[in-house]
Amino acid sequence: MLESLLSYVVWDPHPAVFSGFERLRWYSLLFALGFIISQQFMVYFFRTEGQKEELVDKLTIIMVLATIIGARLGHVLFYEPEKYLSDPLEILKVWEGGLASHGAAIAILFSLWVYSKRTPGQNYLWVLDRIAIVTAMTGALIRFGNLMNSEIGGKDTGTDSGFVYAWDAEEILQSLKVPVESIEAYKPEDRSAELQGNGIVPVNIDIKVTKGSYSVEDLESTLERDVKYALTKFNSSKQYLAEPLETPLNMTIADKGDHYLATIKTFGRTKYPTQIYESISYLLIFIGLFAIWYKYTDRVPEGLLVGLFMIFVFGTRFFWEFYKESQVDFEKDMALNMGQILSIPLVTGGVILVILALNKGLKPVKT
């Protein structure tokens, strides 16, 4: 049982929720779901504390816009300014990826300040405290969306435990010059003797090919060339797979009647599933913040919840960054990456808010 838990996982879910409907992706669904659930929590907070519930709709719109715009501009300015500022229209292509949570945090802080200034009865810190609770939960869902996208993964574990991200290789293989019906990467149970404890682990890839006019010999020749190229020449394949370049392709082809089944025996690199680590961390933070609010409700000194949020969310982010792959090339030679550098002032601000809030103490019970 323990050996099974510590073993590796070949991770290759399709980023689309439904086969054949590529526009609806897990990341987009979970991102939207986070805001939908957050809205219901905010209605509950407002109702419990005697605020106007109709203001939640306005607040939700502000949060969605601030998150998307801030996260996009944060990525543009903090991570790839040269790329995007040389072609500003690329900034609008949010669907291609490139969002930074630190940019979202800055935009949210500013937009909520404007909202509170224009909303009587809701001061800035009171709003931030409630938003902090639901933001932690939304962050957990977004990181799970990153996992379903096989993105923002971790560094090599160096052991036979971890995730082998195989989707990129599968996607590349879809472009083979043969009529591919399906591709599936998986962990082969019959190759456990090949484990060496160094993080290079056996991975099989099954390619189902329509027979057509191909003979076994023709198919073998074509796959030998094209699969070898796909597994060794693309950066994403080299990042996640580990087939030695000097060895011949280890492949068998079986005639299944109406199709051929080519099985490629290769190797993958085990990575830390940092998306899971962050998602669980944010979920626990959400539970903790909600528990404090639920127990003390309007007695909580203003600024305490958002201060704790900033300390723990960006504190855990700082820690997990040590296990994550660099997001852009310039980070590779940095002692601390951009995510960690941007987390430091937010954690510091959180500490200040918590100290100020604790000095106030709990508000008196309303009678």
Protein backbone atom coordinates (compact mmCIF):
# COMPACT_ATOMS: atom_id res chain seq x y z
CA MET A 1 0.00 0.00 0.00
CA LEU A 2 2.74 2.47 0.98
CA GLU A 3 4.74 1.60 -2.12
CA SER A 4 1.70 2.37 -4.28
CA LEU A 5 1.13 5.75 -2.60
CA LEU A 6 4.75 6.74 -3.11
CA SER A 7 4.82 5.66 -6.75
CA TYR A 8 4.57 7.96 -9.74
CA VAL A 9 1.54 9.06 -11.76
CA VAL A 10 1.43 9.59 -15.52
CA TRP A 11 -0.77 12.67 -15.83
CA ASP A 12 -2.39 13.39 -19.18
CA PRO A 13 -5.98 14.70 -18.89
CA HIS A 14 -7.31 16.60 -21.90
CA PRO A 15 -7.59 20.31 -21.00
CA ALA A 16 -11.07 20.40 -22.58
CA VAL A 17 -13.96 19.35 -20.34
CA PHE A 18 -15.80 17.57 -23.17
CA SER A 19 -14.26 15.74 -26.09
CA GLY A 20 -14.98 17.55 -29.33
CA PHE A 21 -15.85 20.81 -27.55
CA GLU A 22 -12.43 22.40 -27.24
CA ARG A 23 -13.61 25.87 -26.18
CA LEU A 24 -14.75 24.78 -22.72
CA ARG A 25 -11.58 24.08 -20.76
CA TRP A 26 -11.14 22.86 -17.22
CA TYR A 27 -9.17 25.98 -16.30
CA SER A 28 -11.91 28.32 -17.56
CA LEU A 29 -14.62 26.25 -15.88
CA LEU A 30 -12.88 26.18 -12.50
CA PHE A 31 -11.98 29.87 -12.77
CA ALA A 32 -15.63 30.75 -13.37
CA LEU A 33 -16.83 28.31 -10.72
CA GLY A 34 -14.61 30.05 -8.17
CA PHE A 35 -16.39 33.36 -8.77
CA ILE A 36 -19.84 31.78 -8.76
CA ILE A 37 -19.25 30.09 -5.39
CA SER A 38 -17.57 33.23 -4.05
CA GLN A 39 -20.62 35.27 -4.94
CA GLN A 40 -22.85 32.98 -2.86
CA PHE A 41 -20.53 33.26 0.12
CA MET A 42 -20.52 37.04 -0.19
CA VAL A 43 -24.34 37.08 -0.24
CA TYR A 44 -24.24 35.05 2.98
CA PHE A 45 -21.75 37.46 4.56
CA PHE A 46 -23.78 40.52 3.58
CA ARG A 47 -27.08 39.00 4.74
CA THR A 48 -25.60 37.93 8.08
CA GLU A 49 -24.07 41.34 8.74
CA GLY A 50 -27.03 43.42 7.60
CA GLN A 51 -25.55 44.74 4.35
CA LYS A 52 -27.46 45.21 1.11
CA GLU A 53 -27.27 41.92 -0.79
CA GLU A 54 -27.74 43.60 -4.18
CA LEU A 55 -24.29 45.16 -3.76
CA VAL A 56 -22.75 41.70 -4.18
CA ASP A 57 -23.49 41.74 -7.93
CA LYS A 58 -21.60 45.01 -8.29
CA LEU A 59 -18.76 43.65 -6.18
CA THR A 60 -18.58 40.45 -8.23
CA ILE A 61 -18.25 42.36 -11.50
CA ILE A 62 -15.47 44.49 -10.01
CA MET A 63 -13.65 41.38 -8.75
CA VAL A 64 -13.88 39.54 -12.08
CA LEU A 65 -12.59 42.50 -14.07
CA ALA A 66 -9.85 43.33 -11.56
CA THR A 67 -8.68 39.71 -11.43
CA ILE A 68 -8.50 39.18 -15.18
CA ILE A 69 -7.09 42.59 -16.10
CA GLY A 70 -4.69 42.71 -13.15
CA ALA A 71 -3.46 39.15 -13.60
CA ARG A 72 -2.88 39.70 -17.32
CA LEU A 73 -1.07 43.02 -16.90
CA GLY A 74 0.90 41.54 -14.01
CA HIS A 75 2.21 38.76 -16.25
CA VAL A 76 2.97 41.24 -19.02
CA LEU A 77 4.90 43.65 -16.79
CA PHE A 78 6.56 41.23 -14.37
CA TYR A 79 7.41 38.27 -16.60
CA GLU A 80 7.48 39.08 -20.34
CA PRO A 81 7.42 42.86 -20.89
CA GLU A 82 9.60 42.78 -24.03
CA LYS A 83 7.39 40.22 -25.77
CA TYR A 84 4.09 41.97 -25.13
CA LEU A 85 5.14 45.61 -25.33
CA SER A 86 6.67 44.95 -28.75
CA ASP A 87 3.26 43.67 -29.92
CA PRO A 88 0.57 45.09 -27.59
CA LEU A 89 -2.26 43.22 -29.34
CA GLU A 90 -0.83 39.99 -27.90
CA ILE A 91 -1.86 41.27 -24.45
CA LEU A 92 -5.50 40.73 -25.39
CA LYS A 93 -4.98 37.00 -26.07
CA VAL A 94 -5.77 35.91 -22.51
CA TRP A 95 -6.94 32.49 -23.72
CA GLU A 96 -3.34 31.62 -24.64
CA GLY A 97 -2.30 31.76 -20.98
CA GLY A 98 -0.17 34.16 -18.99
CA LEU A 99 -1.80 35.33 -15.75
CA ALA A 100 0.03 36.45 -12.60
CA SER A 101 -1.68 36.25 -9.22
CA HIS A 102 0.42 39.12 -7.86
CA GLY A 103 -0.93 41.41 -10.58
CA ALA A 104 -4.44 40.30 -9.68
CA ALA A 105 -3.78 41.06 -6.00
CA ILE A 106 -2.64 44.61 -6.76
CA ALA A 107 -5.61 45.27 -9.06
CA ILE A 108 -8.07 43.88 -6.52
CA LEU A 109 -6.63 46.01 -3.71
CA PHE A 110 -6.98 49.14 -5.83
CA SER A 111 -10.44 48.41 -7.27
CA LEU A 112 -11.88 47.57 -3.84
CA TRP A 113 -10.48 50.82 -2.47
CA VAL A 114 -12.42 52.68 -5.18
CA TYR A 115 -15.54 50.58 -4.44
CA SER A 116 -15.40 51.25 -0.70
CA LYS A 117 -15.01 54.99 -1.27
CA ARG A 118 -18.27 54.98 -3.22
CA THR A 119 -20.22 52.62 -0.96
CA PRO A 120 -21.52 54.06 2.34
CA GLY A 121 -21.35 51.73 5.34
CA GLN A 122 -18.54 49.56 4.00
CA ASN A 123 -15.03 50.68 4.79
CA TYR A 124 -12.01 49.41 2.89
CA LEU A 125 -10.69 46.87 5.40
CA TRP A 126 -14.16 45.47 6.10
CA VAL A 127 -14.58 44.70 2.38
CA LEU A 128 -11.08 43.27 2.05
CA ASP A 129 -11.62 40.95 5.03
CA ARG A 130 -14.66 39.31 3.40
CA ILE A 131 -13.11 39.20 -0.06
CA ALA A 132 -9.97 37.56 1.36
CA ILE A 133 -11.99 34.56 2.54
CA VAL A 134 -13.51 33.78 -0.85
CA THR A 135 -10.34 34.65 -2.78
CA ALA A 136 -8.48 31.86 -0.99
CA MET A 137 -11.14 29.39 -2.11
CA THR A 138 -11.07 30.71 -5.68
CA GLY A 139 -7.28 30.40 -5.70
CA ALA A 140 -7.60 26.73 -4.75
CA LEU A 141 -9.89 26.09 -7.73
CA ILE A 142 -7.66 28.04 -10.12
CA ARG A 143 -4.59 26.04 -9.12
CA PHE A 144 -6.57 22.84 -9.68
CA GLY A 145 -7.37 24.22 -13.14
CA ASN A 146 -3.62 24.61 -13.70
CA LEU A 147 -3.24 20.93 -12.82
CA MET A 148 -5.89 19.95 -15.37
CA ASN A 149 -4.00 22.05 -17.93
CA SER A 150 -0.71 20.29 -17.03
CA GLU A 151 0.88 23.72 -16.48
CA ILE A 152 2.90 25.47 -13.75
CA GLY A 153 4.32 22.12 -12.69
CA GLY A 154 7.21 21.43 -10.36
CA LYS A 155 10.87 20.62 -10.76
CA ASP A 156 12.23 17.08 -11.03
CA THR A 157 11.78 15.17 -7.78
CA GLY A 158 14.86 13.04 -8.38
CA THR A 159 12.94 10.06 -7.01
CA ASP A 160 10.43 7.59 -8.40
CA SER A 161 7.56 9.53 -6.80
CA GLY A 162 5.82 12.41 -8.53
CA PHE A 163 3.87 13.32 -11.66
CA VAL A 164 4.98 12.66 -15.22
CA TYR A 165 3.20 15.27 -17.33
CA ALA A 166 2.48 13.55 -20.64
CA TRP A 167 -0.17 15.73 -22.27
CA ASP A 168 2.28 17.93 -24.19
CA ALA A 169 3.90 14.87 -25.77
CA GLU A 170 0.49 13.41 -26.64
CA GLU A 171 -0.56 16.69 -28.25
CA ILE A 172 2.60 16.77 -30.36
CA LEU A 173 2.06 13.16 -31.45
CA GLN A 174 -1.44 14.07 -32.65
CA SER A 175 0.25 15.79 -35.61
CA LEU A 176 1.83 12.57 -36.90
CA LYS A 177 1.53 11.99 -40.64
CA VAL A 178 -0.40 8.76 -40.05
CA PRO A 179 -4.18 8.60 -39.36
CA VAL A 180 -4.12 8.62 -35.55
CA GLU A 181 -7.34 7.57 -33.77
CA SER A 182 -6.15 7.98 -30.20
CA ILE A 183 -3.04 8.39 -28.08
CA GLU A 184 -2.67 7.38 -24.46
CA ALA A 185 0.33 7.60 -22.15
CA TYR A 186 0.29 5.43 -19.06
CA LYS A 187 2.33 3.82 -16.33
CA PRO A 188 3.30 0.26 -17.39
CA GLU A 189 2.95 -2.17 -14.51
CA ASP A 190 5.21 -4.73 -16.21
CA ARG A 191 8.26 -2.43 -16.28
CA SER A 192 8.77 -1.91 -12.54
CA ALA A 193 12.16 -3.64 -12.78
CA GLU A 194 13.39 -0.63 -14.79
CA LEU A 195 12.94 1.76 -11.85
CA GLN A 196 16.27 3.03 -10.59
CA GLY A 197 15.19 5.54 -7.93
CA ASN A 198 16.54 8.52 -9.88
CA GLY A 199 13.28 10.06 -11.09
CA ILE A 200 13.55 8.61 -14.61
CA VAL A 201 10.58 6.24 -14.76
CA PRO A 202 9.01 3.95 -17.38
CA VAL A 203 6.19 5.38 -19.49
CA ASN A 204 4.32 3.65 -22.30
CA ILE A 205 2.52 5.48 -25.08
CA ASP A 206 -0.15 3.64 -27.08
CA ILE A 207 -0.93 5.06 -30.52
CA LYS A 208 -4.02 3.68 -32.23
CA VAL A 209 -3.70 4.07 -36.00
CA THR A 210 -6.35 3.47 -38.66
CA LYS A 211 -5.17 0.80 -41.08
CA GLY A 212 -6.00 2.48 -44.37
CA SER A 213 -3.41 1.56 -46.96
CA TYR A 214 -0.54 1.26 -44.48
CA SER A 215 1.34 -1.98 -44.11
CA VAL A 216 3.07 -2.80 -40.83
CA GLU A 217 6.43 -2.11 -42.47
CA ASP A 218 5.35 1.30 -43.79
CA LEU A 219 3.85 2.27 -40.44
CA GLU A 220 6.93 1.17 -38.53
CA SER A 221 9.20 3.20 -40.79
CA THR A 222 7.06 6.32 -40.51
CA LEU A 223 6.59 6.10 -36.74
CA GLU A 224 10.25 5.30 -36.15
CA ARG A 225 11.15 8.63 -37.71
CA ASP A 226 8.27 10.86 -36.61
CA VAL A 227 7.79 9.62 -33.04
CA LYS A 228 11.51 9.77 -32.35
CA TYR A 229 11.53 13.36 -33.56
CA ALA A 230 8.45 14.28 -31.50
CA LEU A 231 9.87 12.80 -28.30
CA THR A 232 13.34 14.31 -28.56
CA LYS A 233 13.24 17.59 -30.51
CA PHE A 234 10.46 19.58 -28.83
CA ASN A 235 11.24 21.51 -25.64
CA SER A 236 8.07 20.36 -23.88
CA SER A 237 8.83 16.70 -24.62
CA LYS A 238 12.42 17.05 -23.43
CA GLN A 239 11.19 18.75 -20.24
CA TYR A 240 8.83 15.94 -19.26
CA LEU A 241 10.18 12.86 -21.04
CA ALA A 242 13.61 11.30 -20.77
CA GLU A 243 14.17 8.95 -23.70
CA PRO A 244 17.98 8.85 -24.31
CA LEU A 245 18.74 10.41 -27.70
CA GLU A 246 21.30 7.78 -28.66
CA THR A 247 19.02 4.75 -28.24
CA PRO A 248 16.73 3.38 -30.97
CA LEU A 249 12.98 3.81 -30.52
CA ASN A 250 11.61 0.95 -28.43
CA MET A 251 8.36 0.24 -30.27
CA THR A 252 6.07 -2.69 -31.04
CA ILE A 253 3.17 -2.69 -33.51
CA ALA A 254 0.22 -5.07 -33.18
CA ASP A 255 -2.40 -5.73 -35.87
CA LYS A 256 -5.81 -5.35 -34.18
CA GLY A 257 -7.96 -6.07 -37.22
CA ASP A 258 -9.37 -2.67 -38.17
CA HIS A 259 -6.45 -0.75 -36.72
CA TYR A 260 -2.83 -0.98 -35.63
CA LEU A 261 -1.73 -0.42 -32.06
CA ALA A 262 1.78 0.98 -31.72
CA THR A 263 3.22 0.85 -28.22
CA ILE A 264 6.25 3.04 -27.53
CA LYS A 265 8.24 2.24 -24.41
CA THR A 266 9.94 5.38 -23.21
CA PHE A 267 10.75 7.15 -19.94
CA GLY A 268 9.44 10.21 -18.13
CA ARG A 269 10.71 12.64 -15.51
CA THR A 270 8.86 12.73 -12.20
CA LYS A 271 7.89 16.27 -11.18
CA TYR A 272 6.53 17.80 -8.00
CA PRO A 273 2.74 18.34 -8.42
CA THR A 274 3.02 21.88 -7.06
CA GLN A 275 -0.46 22.74 -8.37
CA ILE A 276 -1.88 20.25 -5.84
CA TYR A 277 0.31 21.58 -3.04
CA GLU A 278 -0.84 25.14 -3.66
CA SER A 279 -4.48 24.18 -4.16
CA ILE A 280 -4.61 22.31 -0.83
CA SER A 281 -2.78 25.16 0.93
CA TYR A 282 -5.29 27.74 -0.31
CA LEU A 283 -8.23 25.50 0.58
CA LEU A 284 -6.96 25.16 4.16
CA ILE A 285 -6.46 28.93 4.35
CA PHE A 286 -10.05 29.45 3.16
CA ILE A 287 -11.35 27.05 5.84
CA GLY A 288 -9.30 28.80 8.53
CA LEU A 289 -10.40 32.32 7.57
CA PHE A 290 -14.04 31.29 7.25
CA ALA A 291 -13.89 29.59 10.68
CA ILE A 292 -12.59 32.80 12.29
CA TRP A 293 -15.31 34.87 10.63
CA TYR A 294 -18.02 32.33 11.50
CA LYS A 295 -17.05 32.24 15.18
CA TYR A 296 -16.60 35.97 15.69
CA THR A 297 -18.45 37.51 12.68
CA ASP A 298 -18.57 41.30 13.12
CA ARG A 299 -16.35 41.20 16.24
CA VAL A 300 -13.25 40.47 14.16
CA PRO A 301 -11.02 43.59 14.14
CA GLU A 302 -10.88 45.01 10.65
CA GLY A 303 -7.79 44.05 8.69
CA LEU A 304 -7.14 40.79 10.56
CA LEU A 305 -8.58 38.42 7.94
CA VAL A 306 -6.99 40.10 4.94
CA GLY A 307 -3.71 40.34 6.85
CA LEU A 308 -3.77 36.59 7.60
CA PHE A 309 -4.70 35.95 3.98
CA MET A 310 -1.68 37.89 2.71
CA ILE A 311 0.69 36.19 5.14
CA PHE A 312 -0.41 32.64 4.49
CA VAL A 313 -1.34 32.76 0.79
CA PHE A 314 1.79 34.56 -0.33
CA GLY A 315 3.89 32.91 2.36
CA THR A 316 2.97 29.45 1.08
CA ARG A 317 3.39 30.72 -2.48
CA PHE A 318 6.93 31.83 -1.57
CA PHE A 319 7.69 28.37 -0.14
CA TRP A 320 6.21 26.31 -3.00
CA GLU A 321 8.09 28.39 -5.57
CA PHE A 322 11.27 26.55 -4.52
CA TYR A 323 9.72 23.40 -6.01
CA LYS A 324 8.33 24.94 -9.21
CA GLU A 325 9.88 25.18 -12.64
CA SER A 326 10.89 28.65 -13.76
CA GLN A 327 8.04 30.28 -15.68
CA VAL A 328 10.32 32.38 -17.90
CA ASP A 329 13.97 32.03 -18.90
CA PHE A 330 15.33 35.02 -16.97
CA GLU A 331 14.32 33.41 -13.65
CA LYS A 332 16.67 30.46 -14.05
CA ASP A 333 19.74 32.29 -12.73
CA MET A 334 17.91 34.12 -9.93
CA ALA A 335 18.29 33.13 -6.27
CA LEU A 336 14.61 34.02 -5.77
CA ASN A 337 12.22 33.93 -8.71
CA MET A 338 9.79 36.69 -9.63
CA GLY A 339 6.89 35.05 -7.76
CA GLN A 340 8.93 35.02 -4.55
CA ILE A 341 10.18 38.58 -4.94
CA LEU A 342 6.64 39.85 -5.46
CA SER A 343 5.38 37.84 -2.48
CA ILE A 344 7.72 39.49 0.03
CA PRO A 345 6.03 42.95 0.15
CA LEU A 346 2.58 41.32 0.30
CA VAL A 347 3.57 39.13 3.23
CA THR A 348 5.13 42.17 4.92
CA GLY A 349 1.92 44.15 4.41
CA GLY A 350 -0.04 41.25 5.88
CA VAL A 351 2.12 41.20 9.01
CA ILE A 352 1.54 44.93 9.52
CA LEU A 353 -2.21 44.53 9.13
CA VAL A 354 -2.35 41.64 11.61
CA ILE A 355 -0.32 43.55 14.22
CA LEU A 356 -2.56 46.61 13.88
CA ALA A 357 -5.70 44.45 14.08
CA LEU A 358 -4.51 42.53 17.15
CA ASN A 359 -3.70 45.79 18.90
CA LYS A 360 -7.35 46.78 18.48
CA GLY A 361 -8.61 43.50 19.96
CA LEU A 362 -12.03 41.97 19.38
CA LYS A 363 -14.91 44.39 18.96
CA PRO A 364 -17.49 44.34 21.76
CA VAL A 365 -20.53 42.08 21.42
CA LYS A 366 -23.48 43.97 19.97
CA THR A 367 -26.52 44.08 22.19
